Amino acid sequence: MQVRFAKMHGLGNDFMVAEWPPDRPAPDADVVRRLADRRLGVGFDQLLLVTFADDAAHDAAYRIFNADGGEVEQCGNGARCIARFAAARGRGRDGELRLASAAGPIEARVREDGLVSVRLGVPDFAPASLPFRAPEERDRYVVRAAGRDVEIGAVSVGNPHAVLLVDSVEAADVGILGAELATHPDFPRGVNVGFLEIVRPDRVRLRVHERGVGETPACGTGAAAAVAVGRRWGALAEEVEVELRGGTLTVRWPGPGQPLWQTGPTTLVYEGVIEL
């Protein structure tokens, strides 16, 4: 089977975006891991399978697989790349697209300035939405990890996130603490872990350890989660510039009950055909 794909990235968070037949089962975990290998395969943080079907409600549908082969619910940088991928193939109208994902419907805008905006829905702070084993919903929780008590905020933005406030992202223990929290037993399906440094209410710095991947140069849903949690703590403005190692994303969240929008660049590296 030959598959057409594009290698794309959002601020260094990179993807294999494949046009996938609607009647074809997804590749198994071994195949995903082989494709993700940066020496023997295409190399990516996530594989994005995009399906174009005769569905009046959506311009495209997609599924997301981490480099370890596991399927996940959502990816902010990936959703922006998918929107650009679909728009380049004539989908949508005037840059407006409707996408279907495991996390629910996504609206996207491919802008004339080259940036792409995606509507990621309403942040959900209920522990069951992640899921997260907590007796009740709170603004902050304490979990035991890496031999110490760690204070976190927890939210689902289509996928699960734990957010830690740190004095400096450069000094943050992303490698050890991030990896341990990502597989913490209180998060039965794992969790993405964000290390948040607040510069001022409208600007933050962030590093993210993604479950099944490790630290990436940028995490779109991680940026969304960090702003949602920071807003709930009363520390951030409605619109925030999020500095990641790969670049800057803009996240806008008016507040409870309102959808969250994220805007940032996407890059097409190359296109190709691969035999599976």
Protein backbone atom coordinates (compact mmCIF):
# COMPACT_ATOMS: atom_id res chain seq x y z
CA MET A 1 0.00 0.00 0.00
CA GLN A 2 1.37 3.40 -1.00
CA VAL A 3 0.56 6.36 1.22
CA ARG A 4 0.99 10.02 0.34
CA PHE A 5 2.21 12.12 3.23
CA ALA A 6 3.68 15.44 4.24
CA LYS A 7 6.40 16.02 6.82
CA MET A 8 5.29 19.10 8.78
CA HIS A 9 5.99 20.80 12.07
CA GLY A 10 4.59 23.42 14.38
CA LEU A 11 7.47 25.17 16.16
CA GLY A 12 9.59 22.01 15.92
CA ASN A 13 6.87 19.63 17.15
CA ASP A 14 6.99 17.43 14.04
CA PHE A 15 4.54 15.16 12.27
CA MET A 16 4.03 12.72 9.46
CA VAL A 17 0.67 13.83 8.06
CA ALA A 18 -0.71 10.97 5.96
CA GLU A 19 -3.73 10.96 3.68
CA TRP A 20 -5.42 7.75 4.86
CA PRO A 21 -8.14 5.73 3.09
CA PRO A 22 -11.38 5.82 5.10
CA ASP A 23 -11.87 2.05 4.82
CA ARG A 24 -8.31 1.15 5.86
CA PRO A 25 -7.47 0.19 9.49
CA ALA A 26 -4.82 2.26 11.21
CA PRO A 27 -1.27 0.87 11.22
CA ASP A 28 -0.36 -1.19 14.26
CA ALA A 29 1.97 0.11 16.97
CA ASP A 30 5.06 -1.61 15.54
CA VAL A 31 4.58 0.11 12.19
CA VAL A 32 4.06 3.49 13.86
CA ARG A 33 7.24 3.06 15.90
CA ARG A 34 9.20 2.09 12.76
CA LEU A 35 7.94 5.14 10.87
CA ALA A 36 8.76 7.37 13.88
CA ASP A 37 12.39 6.22 13.97
CA ARG A 38 14.54 9.19 12.94
CA ARG A 39 17.22 6.98 11.38
CA LEU A 40 15.18 4.17 9.83
CA GLY A 41 11.84 5.87 9.12
CA VAL A 42 10.34 9.29 8.44
CA GLY A 43 10.87 10.48 12.02
CA PHE A 44 8.22 12.36 14.01
CA ASP A 45 6.69 13.10 17.39
CA GLN A 46 3.21 12.13 16.13
CA LEU A 47 1.67 10.38 13.15
CA LEU A 48 -1.46 12.17 11.93
CA LEU A 49 -3.86 10.11 9.80
CA VAL A 50 -6.17 12.37 7.79
CA THR A 51 -9.30 11.01 6.14
CA PHE A 52 -11.25 12.84 3.45
CA ALA A 53 -14.73 11.37 3.20
CA ASP A 54 -18.09 12.50 1.85
CA ASP A 55 -19.18 14.00 5.16
CA ALA A 56 -21.10 17.24 4.89
CA ALA A 57 -20.44 18.03 8.55
CA HIS A 58 -16.62 17.99 8.31
CA ASP A 59 -13.91 18.87 5.81
CA ALA A 60 -11.59 16.19 7.21
CA ALA A 61 -11.25 13.76 10.09
CA TYR A 62 -8.03 12.73 11.83
CA ARG A 63 -6.45 10.35 14.30
CA ILE A 64 -3.23 10.89 16.25
CA PHE A 65 -0.55 8.34 17.20
CA ASN A 66 2.44 9.13 19.39
CA ALA A 67 5.92 7.95 18.46
CA ASP A 68 5.55 5.03 20.87
CA GLY A 69 2.59 3.74 18.84
CA GLY A 70 -0.16 4.73 21.27
CA GLU A 71 -3.21 6.62 20.04
CA VAL A 72 -4.05 9.92 21.75
CA GLU A 73 -7.00 12.27 21.68
CA GLN A 74 -5.68 15.65 20.57
CA CYS A 75 -2.67 17.70 19.48
CA GLY A 76 -2.79 21.47 19.06
CA ASN A 77 0.22 21.85 16.77
CA GLY A 78 -0.96 18.78 14.87
CA ALA A 79 -4.47 20.19 14.39
CA ARG A 80 -2.99 23.36 12.89
CA CYS A 81 -0.82 21.32 10.51
CA ILE A 82 -3.81 19.18 9.51
CA ALA A 83 -5.82 22.31 8.75
CA ARG A 84 -3.10 23.58 6.43
CA PHE A 85 -2.70 20.11 4.89
CA ALA A 86 -6.44 19.88 4.19
CA ALA A 87 -6.74 23.45 2.90
CA ALA A 88 -3.91 22.82 0.42
CA ARG A 89 -6.02 19.96 -0.97
CA GLY A 90 -9.01 22.18 -1.59
CA ARG A 91 -10.90 21.45 1.62
CA GLY A 92 -12.80 24.11 3.50
CA ARG A 93 -13.92 27.50 2.29
CA ASP A 94 -12.09 30.82 2.51
CA GLY A 95 -9.60 29.26 4.91
CA GLU A 96 -12.31 28.06 7.31
CA LEU A 97 -12.35 24.32 8.07
CA ARG A 98 -14.28 21.92 10.25
CA LEU A 99 -12.30 18.93 11.48
CA ALA A 100 -13.42 15.80 13.32
CA SER A 101 -11.17 14.33 16.02
CA ALA A 102 -11.33 11.88 18.91
CA ALA A 103 -11.58 14.90 21.22
CA GLY A 104 -14.57 16.30 19.34
CA PRO A 105 -15.12 18.80 16.51
CA ILE A 106 -12.42 21.37 15.80
CA GLU A 107 -12.76 24.66 13.94
CA ALA A 108 -9.71 25.98 12.12
CA ARG A 109 -8.75 29.13 10.25
CA VAL A 110 -5.85 29.16 7.79
CA ARG A 111 -4.98 32.84 7.75
CA GLU A 112 -3.54 34.95 4.94
CA ASP A 113 -0.53 35.85 7.09
CA GLY A 114 0.49 32.18 7.17
CA LEU A 115 -0.64 31.53 10.72
CA VAL A 116 -3.28 28.95 11.59
CA SER A 117 -5.82 29.26 14.41
CA VAL A 118 -7.70 26.34 15.95
CA ARG A 119 -10.62 26.30 18.35
CA LEU A 120 -9.78 23.63 20.91
CA GLY A 121 -13.08 23.73 22.80
CA VAL A 122 -13.86 24.47 26.44
CA PRO A 123 -11.23 23.43 29.02
CA ASP A 124 -12.58 20.79 31.40
CA PHE A 125 -11.22 20.83 34.95
CA ALA A 126 -13.26 17.86 36.22
CA PRO A 127 -10.80 15.13 37.31
CA ALA A 128 -12.84 12.46 35.50
CA SER A 129 -12.28 14.23 32.18
CA LEU A 130 -8.54 13.53 32.16
CA PRO A 131 -8.97 11.00 33.91
CA PHE A 132 -7.29 11.88 37.20
CA ARG A 133 -7.84 10.05 40.50
CA ALA A 134 -8.78 12.89 42.83
CA PRO A 135 -11.55 12.97 45.47
CA GLU A 136 -12.95 16.28 44.19
CA GLU A 137 -12.29 19.08 41.72
CA ARG A 138 -9.83 21.71 42.97
CA ASP A 139 -7.74 24.55 41.59
CA ARG A 140 -4.58 22.83 42.86
CA TYR A 141 -3.65 19.29 43.83
CA VAL A 142 -0.67 17.71 45.55
CA VAL A 143 0.77 14.45 44.20
CA ARG A 144 3.83 12.49 45.29
CA ALA A 145 6.48 12.18 42.57
CA ALA A 146 10.27 11.90 42.38
CA GLY A 147 10.39 11.53 46.15
CA ARG A 148 8.57 14.76 46.98
CA ASP A 149 5.17 16.41 47.08
CA VAL A 150 4.41 18.32 43.89
CA GLU A 151 1.65 20.91 43.47
CA ILE A 152 -0.16 20.81 40.12
CA GLY A 153 -3.18 22.09 38.26
CA ALA A 154 -5.03 19.56 36.10
CA VAL A 155 -7.16 20.10 33.00
CA SER A 156 -8.35 18.39 29.85
CA VAL A 157 -8.17 20.37 26.60
CA GLY A 158 -9.17 17.33 24.58
CA ASN A 159 -6.26 15.45 26.15
CA PRO A 160 -4.97 15.35 29.76
CA HIS A 161 -2.50 17.86 31.22
CA ALA A 162 -0.85 18.52 34.56
CA VAL A 163 0.70 21.97 35.00
CA LEU A 164 3.42 22.91 37.51
CA LEU A 165 4.38 26.49 38.34
CA VAL A 166 8.18 26.96 38.36
CA ASP A 167 10.52 29.88 38.95
CA SER A 168 12.52 29.06 35.81
CA VAL A 169 11.79 26.67 32.96
CA GLU A 170 15.51 26.40 32.30
CA ALA A 171 16.09 25.01 35.79
CA ALA A 172 12.96 22.82 35.78
CA ASP A 173 13.41 19.08 36.25
CA VAL A 174 11.58 18.18 33.04
CA GLY A 175 13.51 15.00 32.32
CA ILE A 176 12.98 13.20 35.63
CA LEU A 177 9.91 14.82 37.19
CA GLY A 178 8.11 15.15 33.86
CA ALA A 179 8.70 11.51 32.98
CA GLU A 180 7.55 10.29 36.41
CA LEU A 181 4.39 12.40 36.43
CA ALA A 182 3.54 11.37 32.85
CA THR A 183 3.09 7.77 34.02
CA HIS A 184 1.87 8.52 37.55
CA PRO A 185 -0.72 5.97 38.79
CA ASP A 186 -3.16 8.79 39.62
CA PHE A 187 -3.43 9.37 35.83
CA PRO A 188 -4.64 5.99 34.51
CA ARG A 189 -4.18 6.98 30.85
CA GLY A 190 -1.04 9.02 31.42
CA VAL A 191 -0.73 12.80 31.34
CA ASN A 192 1.20 15.53 29.55
CA VAL A 193 3.25 17.57 32.01
CA GLY A 194 3.80 21.31 31.60
CA PHE A 195 6.37 23.39 33.49
CA LEU A 196 5.07 26.97 33.55
CA GLU A 197 7.08 30.13 34.27
CA ILE A 198 5.01 33.32 34.41
CA VAL A 199 6.92 36.34 33.05
CA ARG A 200 3.91 38.66 33.26
CA PRO A 201 0.14 38.13 32.96
CA ASP A 202 0.24 38.22 29.15
CA ARG A 203 3.49 36.28 28.63
CA VAL A 204 4.76 32.95 29.93
CA ARG A 205 7.50 30.42 29.25
CA LEU A 206 6.72 26.72 29.02
CA ARG A 207 8.37 23.33 28.65
CA VAL A 208 6.29 20.17 28.19
CA HIS A 209 7.00 16.49 28.66
CA GLU A 210 4.51 14.74 26.37
CA ARG A 211 3.31 11.26 27.32
CA GLY A 212 4.62 8.65 24.91
CA VAL A 213 7.08 11.12 23.34
CA GLY A 214 9.17 12.96 25.94
CA GLU A 215 10.00 16.65 25.85
CA THR A 216 9.20 18.33 22.53
CA PRO A 217 10.23 21.79 21.27
CA ALA A 218 6.58 22.83 21.43
CA CYS A 219 3.26 21.38 22.58
CA GLY A 220 0.12 23.12 21.37
CA THR A 221 -2.33 21.57 23.80
CA GLY A 222 0.29 22.03 26.52
CA ALA A 223 0.29 25.76 25.83
CA ALA A 224 -3.52 25.78 25.93
CA ALA A 225 -3.58 23.84 29.20
CA ALA A 226 -0.99 26.09 30.83
CA VAL A 227 -3.00 29.21 30.01
CA ALA A 228 -6.26 27.61 31.19
CA VAL A 229 -4.72 26.58 34.50
CA GLY A 230 -2.93 29.92 34.93
CA ARG A 231 -6.20 31.75 34.23
CA ARG A 232 -7.99 29.61 36.82
CA TRP A 233 -5.29 30.51 39.34
CA GLY A 234 -5.99 34.19 38.59
CA ALA A 235 -2.45 34.78 37.32
CA LEU A 236 -2.92 35.28 33.57
CA ALA A 237 -4.68 37.60 31.13
CA GLU A 238 -7.31 36.61 28.56
CA GLU A 239 -4.71 36.48 25.75
CA VAL A 240 -1.25 35.13 26.46
CA GLU A 241 1.93 34.73 24.43
CA VAL A 242 3.43 31.32 25.28
CA GLU A 243 7.19 31.03 24.71
CA LEU A 244 8.29 27.47 23.96
CA ARG A 245 11.73 26.27 22.95
CA GLY A 246 10.58 26.06 19.33
CA GLY A 247 8.87 29.46 19.19
CA THR A 248 5.78 31.33 20.38
CA LEU A 249 2.08 30.49 20.34
CA THR A 250 -0.81 32.80 21.16
CA VAL A 251 -3.57 31.39 23.37
CA ARG A 252 -6.84 33.20 24.02
CA TRP A 253 -9.35 32.01 26.61
CA PRO A 254 -12.09 34.41 27.80
CA GLY A 255 -12.93 32.17 30.78
CA PRO A 256 -15.23 29.42 32.09
CA GLY A 257 -17.71 28.01 29.61
CA GLN A 258 -15.94 29.67 26.68
CA PRO A 259 -13.89 27.94 23.95
CA LEU A 260 -10.13 28.34 23.82
CA TRP A 261 -8.36 29.47 20.64
CA GLN A 262 -4.73 28.92 19.76
CA THR A 263 -2.77 30.59 16.95
CA GLY A 264 0.67 29.79 15.59
CA PRO A 265 2.76 28.93 12.53
CA THR A 266 2.97 25.68 10.60
CA THR A 267 5.78 24.56 8.32
CA LEU A 268 5.72 22.12 5.40
CA VAL A 269 9.12 20.42 5.23
CA TYR A 270 8.52 18.07 2.29
CA GLU A 271 5.97 15.77 0.71
CA GLY A 272 6.43 12.17 -0.35
CA VAL A 273 5.04 8.70 -0.93
CA ILE A 274 5.89 5.71 1.26
CA GLU A 275 5.20 2.01 0.87
CA LEU A 276 3.51 0.37 3.86
